Amino acid sequence: MRFRNLGITLLFFLALFLLPEVSQAQCSMCRAVLESDVDQSAAKGINDGILYLMIFPYVLIGGIAYFIYRSLRNRKKAS
């Protein structure tokens, strides 16, 4: 059982290390589109999209932290 958890953890970190290589491939494409746009509407749209994508991890982590906090608070009240 312990080796299975270790294997899953190693697989998870391997996937995390491989993901940045895939996402870095898009940087030059975004830069080319943003530099060629004269009125900068595409740049504004991409920046807004990045902000929208950044919101979800923070909301998810905040929600998980809230549920953990609420669970711990309810345990203290019960004891």
N, C-alpha and C. Protein backbone atom coordinates (compact mmCIF):
# COMPACT_ATOMS: atom_id res chain seq x y z
N MET A 1 0.82 -1.19 0.00
CA MET A 1 0.00 0.00 0.00
C MET A 1 0.87 1.26 0.00
N ARG A 2 1.96 1.21 0.77
CA ARG A 2 2.83 2.37 0.85
C ARG A 2 3.52 2.63 -0.50
N PHE A 3 3.92 1.56 -1.19
CA PHE A 3 4.58 1.73 -2.49
C PHE A 3 3.60 2.25 -3.54
N ARG A 4 2.35 1.88 -3.39
CA ARG A 4 1.34 2.37 -4.34
C ARG A 4 1.18 3.89 -4.19
N ASN A 5 1.12 4.37 -2.94
CA ASN A 5 1.01 5.81 -2.71
C ASN A 5 2.25 6.54 -3.21
N LEU A 6 3.41 5.93 -3.03
CA LEU A 6 4.64 6.53 -3.52
C LEU A 6 4.63 6.61 -5.04
N GLY A 7 4.15 5.56 -5.69
CA GLY A 7 4.06 5.55 -7.14
C GLY A 7 3.11 6.60 -7.66
N ILE A 8 1.98 6.76 -7.00
CA ILE A 8 1.00 7.77 -7.42
C ILE A 8 1.58 9.16 -7.22
N THR A 9 2.28 9.37 -6.12
CA THR A 9 2.90 10.67 -5.86
C THR A 9 3.97 10.98 -6.90
N LEU A 10 4.80 10.01 -7.22
CA LEU A 10 5.84 10.22 -8.23
C LEU A 10 5.23 10.50 -9.60
N LEU A 11 4.17 9.79 -9.94
CA LEU A 11 3.48 10.02 -11.21
C LEU A 11 2.89 11.42 -11.26
N PHE A 12 2.33 11.87 -10.17
CA PHE A 12 1.75 13.21 -10.08
C PHE A 12 2.83 14.27 -10.32
N PHE A 13 3.97 14.15 -9.63
CA PHE A 13 5.03 15.14 -9.80
C PHE A 13 5.66 15.06 -11.18
N LEU A 14 5.73 13.89 -11.76
CA LEU A 14 6.24 13.77 -13.12
C LEU A 14 5.32 14.51 -14.09
N ALA A 15 4.02 14.38 -13.91
CA ALA A 15 3.07 15.09 -14.75
C ALA A 15 3.21 16.60 -14.56
N LEU A 16 3.43 17.05 -13.33
CA LEU A 16 3.61 18.47 -13.09
C LEU A 16 4.86 19.02 -13.76
N PHE A 17 5.92 18.23 -13.79
CA PHE A 17 7.14 18.68 -14.43
C PHE A 17 7.02 18.71 -15.95
N LEU A 18 6.17 17.87 -16.51
CA LEU A 18 6.02 17.83 -17.95
C LEU A 18 5.05 18.89 -18.47
N LEU A 19 4.13 19.34 -17.66
CA LEU A 19 3.15 20.33 -18.09
C LEU A 19 3.76 21.66 -18.53
N PRO A 20 4.74 22.22 -17.82
CA PRO A 20 5.29 23.50 -18.28
C PRO A 20 5.91 23.42 -19.67
N GLU A 21 6.44 22.29 -20.06
CA GLU A 21 7.01 22.17 -21.40
C GLU A 21 5.94 22.32 -22.47
N VAL A 22 4.77 21.80 -22.22
CA VAL A 22 3.68 21.92 -23.19
C VAL A 22 3.19 23.36 -23.25
N SER A 23 3.03 24.01 -22.11
CA SER A 23 2.48 25.36 -22.10
C SER A 23 3.48 26.40 -22.60
N GLN A 24 4.78 26.14 -22.50
CA GLN A 24 5.75 27.09 -23.01
C GLN A 24 5.72 27.17 -24.53
N ALA A 25 5.21 26.16 -25.17
CA ALA A 25 5.16 26.16 -26.63
C ALA A 25 4.22 27.23 -27.16
N GLN A 26 3.28 27.67 -26.35
CA GLN A 26 2.31 28.66 -26.80
C GLN A 26 2.79 30.09 -26.63
N CYS A 27 3.83 30.32 -25.86
CA CYS A 27 4.25 31.69 -25.58
C CYS A 27 4.66 32.45 -26.83
N SER A 28 5.40 31.83 -27.71
CA SER A 28 5.82 32.54 -28.92
C SER A 28 4.64 32.85 -29.83
N MET A 29 3.65 31.97 -29.85
CA MET A 29 2.46 32.24 -30.66
C MET A 29 1.69 33.43 -30.11
N CYS A 30 1.52 33.46 -28.81
CA CYS A 30 0.80 34.59 -28.19
C CYS A 30 1.55 35.89 -28.43
N ARG A 31 2.86 35.85 -28.28
CA ARG A 31 3.66 37.05 -28.48
C ARG A 31 3.54 37.55 -29.92
N ALA A 32 3.56 36.65 -30.88
CA ALA A 32 3.45 37.06 -32.28
C ALA A 32 2.10 37.69 -32.56
N VAL A 33 1.04 37.13 -32.01
CA VAL A 33 -0.29 37.69 -32.22
C VAL A 33 -0.40 39.05 -31.56
N LEU A 34 0.12 39.17 -30.35
CA LEU A 34 0.00 40.43 -29.62
C LEU A 34 0.84 41.54 -30.22
N GLU A 35 2.01 41.20 -30.75
CA GLU A 35 2.87 42.23 -31.34
C GLU A 35 2.37 42.68 -32.70
N SER A 36 1.66 41.83 -33.42
CA SER A 36 1.20 42.20 -34.75
C SER A 36 -0.12 42.95 -34.73
N ASP A 37 -0.83 42.95 -33.62
CA ASP A 37 -2.12 43.63 -33.53
C ASP A 37 -1.90 45.13 -33.35
N VAL A 38 -2.50 45.93 -34.24
CA VAL A 38 -2.29 47.37 -34.22
C VAL A 38 -3.11 48.04 -33.12
N ASP A 39 -4.38 47.69 -33.00
CA ASP A 39 -5.24 48.38 -32.03
C ASP A 39 -5.23 47.75 -30.64
N GLN A 40 -4.44 46.72 -30.43
CA GLN A 40 -4.24 46.08 -29.13
C GLN A 40 -5.51 45.47 -28.54
N SER A 41 -6.52 45.22 -29.36
CA SER A 41 -7.74 44.59 -28.84
C SER A 41 -7.49 43.12 -28.49
N ALA A 42 -6.65 42.45 -29.27
CA ALA A 42 -6.33 41.05 -28.97
C ALA A 42 -5.52 40.96 -27.68
N ALA A 43 -4.61 41.91 -27.47
CA ALA A 43 -3.82 41.91 -26.24
C ALA A 43 -4.71 42.11 -25.02
N LYS A 44 -5.66 43.00 -25.14
CA LYS A 44 -6.59 43.23 -24.03
C LYS A 44 -7.44 41.99 -23.78
N GLY A 45 -7.88 41.34 -24.83
CA GLY A 45 -8.68 40.12 -24.68
C GLY A 45 -7.89 38.99 -24.05
N ILE A 46 -6.64 38.83 -24.46
CA ILE A 46 -5.81 37.77 -23.89
C ILE A 46 -5.51 38.06 -22.43
N ASN A 47 -5.24 39.32 -22.09
CA ASN A 47 -4.99 39.67 -20.69
C ASN A 47 -6.23 39.43 -19.83
N ASP A 48 -7.41 39.76 -20.35
CA ASP A 48 -8.65 39.48 -19.61
C ASP A 48 -8.84 37.98 -19.44
N GLY A 49 -8.54 37.21 -20.47
CA GLY A 49 -8.67 35.76 -20.38
C GLY A 49 -7.73 35.17 -19.34
N ILE A 50 -6.52 35.70 -19.27
CA ILE A 50 -5.57 35.23 -18.26
C ILE A 50 -6.09 35.52 -16.86
N LEU A 51 -6.66 36.71 -16.67
CA LEU A 51 -7.21 37.04 -15.35
C LEU A 51 -8.36 36.12 -14.99
N TYR A 52 -9.24 35.82 -15.95
CA TYR A 52 -10.35 34.90 -15.68
C TYR A 52 -9.83 33.51 -15.33
N LEU A 53 -8.80 33.05 -16.02
CA LEU A 53 -8.25 31.73 -15.73
C LEU A 53 -7.55 31.70 -14.37
N MET A 54 -7.01 32.82 -13.93
CA MET A 54 -6.33 32.87 -12.64
C MET A 54 -7.32 32.81 -11.48
N ILE A 55 -8.56 33.22 -11.70
CA ILE A 55 -9.54 33.28 -10.62
C ILE A 55 -9.87 31.89 -10.11
N PHE A 56 -10.04 30.92 -10.99
CA PHE A 56 -10.54 29.61 -10.59
C PHE A 56 -9.65 28.86 -9.61
N PRO A 57 -8.33 28.83 -9.77
CA PRO A 57 -7.52 28.14 -8.74
C PRO A 57 -7.64 28.79 -7.37
N TYR A 58 -7.71 30.12 -7.33
CA TYR A 58 -7.84 30.80 -6.04
C TYR A 58 -9.19 30.52 -5.40
N VAL A 59 -10.25 30.51 -6.19
CA VAL A 59 -11.57 30.19 -5.65
C VAL A 59 -11.60 28.74 -5.16
N LEU A 60 -11.01 27.84 -5.91
CA LEU A 60 -10.98 26.44 -5.52
C LEU A 60 -10.20 26.23 -4.22
N ILE A 61 -9.03 26.81 -4.12
CA ILE A 61 -8.22 26.68 -2.91
C ILE A 61 -8.92 27.35 -1.73
N GLY A 62 -9.50 28.52 -1.97
CA GLY A 62 -10.24 29.20 -0.90
C GLY A 62 -11.43 28.39 -0.42
N GLY A 63 -12.14 27.76 -1.35
CA GLY A 63 -13.28 26.92 -0.97
C GLY A 63 -12.85 25.71 -0.17
N ILE A 64 -11.77 25.07 -0.57
CA ILE A 64 -11.26 23.92 0.17
C ILE A 64 -10.81 24.35 1.56
N ALA A 65 -10.12 25.48 1.65
CA ALA A 65 -9.67 25.98 2.96
C ALA A 65 -10.86 26.30 3.85
N TYR A 66 -11.91 26.87 3.28
CA TYR A 66 -13.11 27.18 4.06
C TYR A 66 -13.76 25.91 4.60
N PHE A 67 -13.88 24.89 3.76
CA PHE A 67 -14.50 23.64 4.22
C PHE A 67 -13.65 22.95 5.28
N ILE A 68 -12.34 23.02 5.17
CA ILE A 68 -11.47 22.45 6.20
C ILE A 68 -11.63 23.23 7.50
N TYR A 69 -11.65 24.55 7.40
CA TYR A 69 -11.85 25.39 8.58
C TYR A 69 -13.18 25.09 9.25
N ARG A 70 -14.23 25.00 8.46
CA ARG A 70 -15.56 24.72 9.01
C ARG A 70 -15.62 23.34 9.65
N SER A 71 -14.96 22.36 9.02
CA SER A 71 -14.93 21.01 9.58
C SER A 71 -14.20 20.98 10.91
N LEU A 72 -13.06 21.65 10.99
CA LEU A 72 -12.31 21.69 12.24
C LEU A 72 -13.07 22.44 13.33
N ARG A 73 -13.75 23.50 12.96
CA ARG A 73 -14.54 24.26 13.93
C ARG A 73 -15.70 23.43 14.46
N ASN A 74 -16.35 22.66 13.59
CA ASN A 74 -17.46 21.80 14.03
C ASN A 74 -16.97 20.69 14.94
N ARG A 75 -15.77 20.16 14.69
CA ARG A 75 -15.20 19.13 15.57
C ARG A 75 -14.93 19.69 16.96
N LYS A 76 -14.42 20.92 17.02
CA LYS A 76 -14.13 21.52 18.33
C LYS A 76 -15.42 21.76 19.10
N LYS A 77 -16.48 22.17 18.40
CA LYS A 77 -17.77 22.39 19.07
C LYS A 77 -18.36 21.08 19.57
N ALA A 78 -18.14 19.99 18.84
CA ALA A 78 -18.70 18.70 19.22
C ALA A 78 -17.98 18.10 20.43
N SER A 79 -16.68 18.43 20.59
CA SER A 79 -15.95 17.84 21.72
C SER A 79 -16.04 18.64 22.97
